[in-house]
């Protein structure tokens, strides 16, 4: 048995992806547990994933309310990067903003439940794609700030979704897409908007990645569910069954699925067998 407060699973790109539980500062490999019975028991204790204080309810996947309302990483501009206000001098944590927002970002296309557009920091490739359950991914722009990435994403999502249907993603492997063709069509449709963003920030700030190579991702799944039933530790303290696989940040049991990332800071006991 292993126990401790959860964080999102650590991933390593391989064929298939390698997953590990992060319980406090310990890593517990999950792939070897696939195909066998597994129980996760929530003990009732929750701790903020930032400050560590004990809480009764978490916000934004693991934060206490004071951290949720004060940290820059919990601000609305993280969800809507086109609203980044660092340049206005109103960032909640300017030093954090410098390290996370005012650095290279990528705009990408991914195929998880169908093709979508998204953005991520350079340091989060391919982690971001794996966390979304993408089976194909292609970086199409490199830019020098989160704001620029957000503005490009806004232009592109007029023509392609920026969301993943997690239920569809968990029902099987997405139908393969010609990513290069999709990229070229988007660049053609959005040329005017991209040129305007480039003029605003300077040509050196935005780079089209014409030679980017597609990343193919395989997940350790023995069997996908026909119907997706989602478990919630706040309603069911013990989750058990045969582990059929892992995709995104979801464990797929024969009895349902659970999003591990959603329950950051929840203390659980992991009992194999």
Protein backbone atom coordinates (compact mmCIF):
# COMPACT_ATOMS: atom_id res chain seq x y z
CA UNK A 1 0.00 0.00 0.00
CA UNK A 2 1.10 3.56 -0.77
CA UNK A 3 -0.49 6.70 0.67
CA UNK A 4 -0.15 10.47 0.47
CA UNK A 5 -1.67 13.61 -1.06
CA UNK A 6 -2.24 13.33 -4.81
CA UNK A 7 -0.90 15.58 -7.52
CA UNK A 8 -1.34 15.13 -11.24
CA UNK A 9 0.38 12.01 -12.52
CA UNK A 10 3.94 12.35 -13.77
CA UNK A 11 4.29 11.29 -17.40
CA UNK A 12 7.12 10.21 -19.66
CA UNK A 13 6.73 9.99 -23.44
CA UNK A 14 7.35 6.41 -24.47
CA UNK A 15 5.46 3.78 -26.43
CA UNK A 16 3.17 3.69 -24.54
CA UNK A 17 3.34 6.68 -22.16
CA UNK A 18 4.75 5.88 -18.71
CA UNK A 19 2.70 7.10 -15.75
CA UNK A 20 3.49 7.49 -12.05
CA UNK A 21 1.38 8.59 -9.11
CA UNK A 22 2.89 11.60 -7.31
CA UNK A 23 2.10 11.08 -3.62
CA UNK A 24 3.74 14.00 -1.82
CA UNK A 25 7.38 13.59 -2.91
CA UNK A 26 7.17 9.88 -3.84
CA UNK A 27 6.62 8.38 -7.29
CA UNK A 28 4.62 5.16 -7.66
CA UNK A 29 4.66 3.60 -11.17
CA UNK A 30 1.12 3.00 -12.44
CA UNK A 31 1.66 1.13 -15.72
CA UNK A 32 2.58 -2.15 -13.93
CA UNK A 33 -0.83 -2.04 -12.19
CA UNK A 34 -2.80 -2.20 -15.47
CA UNK A 35 -4.78 -5.40 -15.85
CA UNK A 36 -5.02 -6.00 -12.09
CA UNK A 37 -7.41 -4.96 -9.29
CA UNK A 38 -6.66 -1.56 -7.76
CA UNK A 39 -8.29 0.45 -4.97
CA UNK A 40 -8.00 4.15 -4.21
CA UNK A 41 -9.28 5.12 -0.75
CA UNK A 42 -9.76 8.82 0.04
CA UNK A 43 -8.94 9.34 3.73
CA UNK A 44 -10.97 12.55 4.08
CA UNK A 45 -7.90 14.80 4.35
CA UNK A 46 -7.23 17.56 1.80
CA UNK A 47 -4.22 19.89 1.72
CA UNK A 48 -3.62 22.88 -0.57
CA UNK A 49 -1.14 21.89 -3.30
CA UNK A 50 0.57 25.30 -2.98
CA UNK A 51 0.77 26.23 0.70
CA UNK A 52 0.01 22.84 2.27
CA UNK A 53 -2.69 24.06 4.69
CA UNK A 54 -5.45 21.59 5.63
CA UNK A 55 -8.76 22.44 3.96
CA UNK A 56 -12.28 21.06 3.70
CA UNK A 57 -12.79 22.06 0.07
CA UNK A 58 -10.34 22.66 -2.77
CA UNK A 59 -10.55 25.12 -5.65
CA UNK A 60 -9.13 24.98 -9.17
CA UNK A 61 -7.83 21.40 -8.85
CA UNK A 62 -6.17 21.60 -5.48
CA UNK A 63 -5.84 25.12 -4.03
CA UNK A 64 -7.18 26.56 -0.80
CA UNK A 65 -9.41 29.60 -1.21
CA UNK A 66 -6.78 32.20 -0.16
CA UNK A 67 -4.29 30.79 -2.70
CA UNK A 68 -7.00 30.53 -5.35
CA UNK A 69 -7.83 34.21 -4.97
CA UNK A 70 -4.26 35.51 -4.69
CA UNK A 71 -1.97 33.43 -6.92
CA UNK A 72 -1.26 34.49 -10.49
CA UNK A 73 -1.41 30.85 -11.57
CA UNK A 74 -5.10 30.83 -10.57
CA UNK A 75 -6.00 34.07 -12.39
CA UNK A 76 -8.58 34.06 -15.20
CA UNK A 77 -5.86 34.91 -17.73
CA UNK A 78 -4.44 31.41 -17.28
CA UNK A 79 -7.67 30.06 -18.80
CA UNK A 80 -7.96 33.01 -21.22
CA UNK A 81 -4.36 33.88 -22.12
CA UNK A 82 -5.48 36.62 -24.52
CA UNK A 83 -6.42 38.53 -21.34
CA UNK A 84 -2.88 38.46 -19.94
CA UNK A 85 -2.32 41.80 -18.18
CA UNK A 86 1.35 41.54 -17.25
CA UNK A 87 2.26 44.50 -19.51
CA UNK A 88 -0.32 46.62 -17.69
CA UNK A 89 1.52 46.14 -14.42
CA UNK A 90 -1.43 44.40 -12.75
CA UNK A 91 -0.10 40.83 -12.53
CA UNK A 92 -0.76 39.38 -9.06
CA UNK A 93 2.82 38.04 -8.92
CA UNK A 94 5.14 39.83 -11.36
CA UNK A 95 8.10 37.52 -10.69
CA UNK A 96 5.94 34.45 -11.36
CA UNK A 97 4.61 36.13 -14.50
CA UNK A 98 8.14 36.74 -15.77
CA UNK A 99 9.00 33.08 -15.32
CA UNK A 100 5.80 31.58 -16.70
CA UNK A 101 4.14 34.05 -19.06
CA UNK A 102 6.93 36.22 -20.47
CA UNK A 103 8.78 33.34 -22.07
CA UNK A 104 8.49 31.22 -25.20
CA UNK A 105 5.13 29.59 -25.79
CA UNK A 106 3.92 27.30 -28.54
CA UNK A 107 0.59 27.31 -30.35
CA UNK A 108 -0.25 23.78 -31.40
CA UNK A 109 -2.80 21.49 -32.98
CA UNK A 110 -3.69 18.28 -31.16
CA UNK A 111 -6.03 15.39 -31.82
CA UNK A 112 -7.63 13.96 -28.71
CA UNK A 113 -11.39 13.83 -29.38
CA UNK A 114 -10.92 15.53 -32.74
CA UNK A 115 -8.58 18.29 -33.84
CA UNK A 116 -8.17 21.27 -31.50
CA UNK A 117 -5.94 24.29 -31.03
CA UNK A 118 -4.09 25.01 -27.80
CA UNK A 119 -1.09 26.77 -26.28
CA UNK A 120 1.62 25.73 -23.85
CA UNK A 121 5.02 26.81 -22.54
CA UNK A 122 8.00 25.35 -24.33
CA UNK A 123 8.91 23.43 -21.17
CA UNK A 124 5.52 21.66 -21.16
CA UNK A 125 5.94 19.85 -24.49
CA UNK A 126 4.93 16.99 -24.72
CA UNK A 127 3.49 16.90 -21.16
CA UNK A 128 0.59 19.18 -22.09
CA UNK A 129 -0.37 16.97 -25.04
CA UNK A 130 -0.25 13.81 -22.93
CA UNK A 131 -2.37 15.40 -20.17
CA UNK A 132 -5.06 16.14 -22.78
CA UNK A 133 -5.06 12.58 -24.09
CA UNK A 134 -3.88 13.64 -27.56
CA UNK A 135 -2.80 10.90 -29.96
CA UNK A 136 -1.35 13.37 -32.48
CA UNK A 137 0.17 16.81 -31.86
CA UNK A 138 1.91 19.42 -33.97
CA UNK A 139 3.48 22.71 -32.85
CA UNK A 140 2.67 25.40 -35.43
CA UNK A 141 3.87 28.70 -33.87
CA UNK A 142 6.58 29.72 -31.43
CA UNK A 143 5.99 33.09 -29.77
CA UNK A 144 7.72 35.05 -27.02
CA UNK A 145 4.86 35.46 -24.52
CA UNK A 146 1.62 33.92 -23.29
CA UNK A 147 -0.38 36.93 -24.49
CA UNK A 148 0.83 36.49 -28.07
CA UNK A 149 -0.01 32.78 -27.95
CA UNK A 150 -3.47 33.58 -26.64
CA UNK A 151 -4.18 36.11 -29.40
CA UNK A 152 -3.14 33.61 -32.07
CA UNK A 153 -5.28 30.93 -30.44
CA UNK A 154 -8.29 33.27 -30.56
CA UNK A 155 -7.77 33.76 -34.30
CA UNK A 156 -7.42 30.02 -34.97
CA UNK A 157 -10.37 28.91 -32.86
CA UNK A 158 -12.73 30.72 -35.20
CA UNK A 159 -12.08 27.73 -37.47
CA UNK A 160 -11.19 24.87 -35.10
CA UNK A 161 -12.24 23.96 -31.55
CA UNK A 162 -10.13 24.83 -28.52
CA UNK A 163 -11.74 22.15 -26.35
CA UNK A 164 -11.45 18.41 -25.77
CA UNK A 165 -14.50 16.22 -25.25
CA UNK A 166 -13.11 14.14 -22.39
CA UNK A 167 -15.91 11.56 -22.65
CA UNK A 168 -15.18 10.97 -26.35
CA UNK A 169 -11.42 10.95 -25.67
CA UNK A 170 -11.89 8.14 -23.13
CA UNK A 171 -13.95 5.95 -25.46
CA UNK A 172 -11.08 5.16 -27.81
CA UNK A 173 -8.33 6.43 -30.06
CA UNK A 174 -9.30 9.48 -32.09
CA UNK A 175 -9.61 9.02 -35.83
CA UNK A 176 -6.30 10.00 -37.41
CA UNK A 177 -6.11 13.50 -38.90
CA UNK A 178 -3.81 14.93 -41.58
CA UNK A 179 -2.20 17.44 -39.24
CA UNK A 180 -0.03 19.12 -41.89
CA UNK A 181 -3.03 19.72 -44.12
CA UNK A 182 -5.05 21.12 -41.20
CA UNK A 183 -2.18 23.44 -40.29
CA UNK A 184 -1.82 24.75 -43.84
CA UNK A 185 -5.56 25.38 -44.15
CA UNK A 186 -5.60 27.28 -40.85
CA UNK A 187 -2.61 29.42 -41.76
CA UNK A 188 -4.28 30.34 -45.03
CA UNK A 189 -7.59 31.23 -43.38
CA UNK A 190 -5.98 33.26 -40.59
CA UNK A 191 -3.21 35.00 -42.54
CA UNK A 192 -4.67 38.50 -42.05
CA UNK A 193 -5.08 38.12 -38.27
CA UNK A 194 -1.61 36.58 -37.89
CA UNK A 195 -0.05 39.44 -39.87
CA UNK A 196 -1.79 41.97 -37.61
CA UNK A 197 -0.50 40.25 -34.44
CA UNK A 198 3.00 40.09 -35.94
CA UNK A 199 2.90 43.83 -36.72
CA UNK A 200 1.81 44.61 -33.17
CA UNK A 201 4.64 42.70 -31.49
CA UNK A 202 7.30 42.65 -34.19
CA UNK A 203 8.22 39.96 -36.70
CA UNK A 204 10.82 38.41 -34.39
CA UNK A 205 8.19 37.72 -31.72
CA UNK A 206 6.19 35.22 -33.81
CA UNK A 207 7.66 32.29 -35.75
CA UNK A 208 5.70 29.92 -37.98
CA UNK A 209 7.15 26.43 -37.50
CA UNK A 210 7.03 25.23 -41.09
CA UNK A 211 9.39 22.29 -40.46
CA UNK A 212 7.75 21.09 -37.24
CA UNK A 213 7.30 17.31 -36.97
CA UNK A 214 4.13 15.67 -35.71
CA UNK A 215 4.30 13.77 -32.41
CA UNK A 216 2.38 10.49 -32.21
CA UNK A 217 1.32 9.39 -28.73
CA UNK A 218 0.25 5.92 -27.58
CA UNK A 219 -1.45 5.27 -24.23
CA UNK A 220 -1.35 2.17 -21.99
CA UNK A 221 -4.97 1.06 -22.41
CA UNK A 222 -6.11 -2.56 -22.55
CA UNK A 223 -9.78 -1.75 -23.03
CA UNK A 224 -11.80 1.45 -23.50
CA UNK A 225 -15.24 1.83 -21.87
CA UNK A 226 -18.39 1.73 -24.00
CA UNK A 227 -19.96 4.23 -21.58
CA UNK A 228 -18.01 6.70 -19.46
CA UNK A 229 -18.98 6.83 -15.78
CA UNK A 230 -16.98 9.35 -13.79
CA UNK A 231 -16.01 8.80 -10.14
CA UNK A 232 -15.72 11.62 -7.59
CA UNK A 233 -13.94 11.27 -4.25
CA UNK A 234 -16.32 13.84 -2.71
CA UNK A 235 -19.18 11.41 -3.35
CA UNK A 236 -17.44 8.02 -3.26
CA UNK A 237 -14.49 7.70 -0.89
CA UNK A 238 -13.38 4.30 -2.20
CA UNK A 239 -12.87 3.61 -5.88
CA UNK A 240 -11.94 0.09 -6.91
CA UNK A 241 -11.95 -2.28 -9.84
CA UNK A 242 -9.67 -3.73 -12.47
CA UNK A 243 -7.48 -1.01 -13.97
CA UNK A 244 -7.97 -1.17 -17.75
CA UNK A 245 -5.67 1.70 -18.67
CA UNK A 246 -4.58 5.32 -18.40
CA UNK A 247 -5.17 8.18 -20.80
CA UNK A 248 -4.67 11.89 -20.24
CA UNK A 249 -4.85 12.22 -16.47
CA UNK A 250 -7.61 9.61 -16.20
CA UNK A 251 -7.47 6.13 -14.72
CA UNK A 252 -9.80 3.82 -16.64
CA UNK A 253 -11.34 1.10 -14.45
CA UNK A 254 -13.77 -1.62 -15.47
CA UNK A 255 -16.26 0.22 -13.23
CA UNK A 256 -15.64 3.83 -14.31
CA UNK A 257 -13.00 6.55 -14.70
CA UNK A 258 -11.43 9.15 -12.43
CA UNK A 259 -9.54 12.33 -13.25
CA UNK A 260 -6.54 12.27 -10.92
CA UNK A 261 -5.62 15.89 -11.63
CA UNK A 262 -9.02 17.07 -10.37
CA UNK A 263 -8.23 15.78 -6.88
CA UNK A 264 -4.87 17.42 -6.25
CA UNK A 265 -4.14 17.54 -2.51
CA UNK A 266 -6.53 14.70 -1.61
CA UNK A 267 -4.82 12.15 0.60
CA UNK A 268 -5.44 8.65 -0.77
CA UNK A 269 -4.33 5.13 -0.04
CA UNK A 270 -3.33 3.20 -3.17
CA UNK A 271 -3.89 -0.53 -2.67
CA UNK A 272 -2.97 -2.89 -5.53
CA UNK A 273 -4.46 -6.36 -5.76
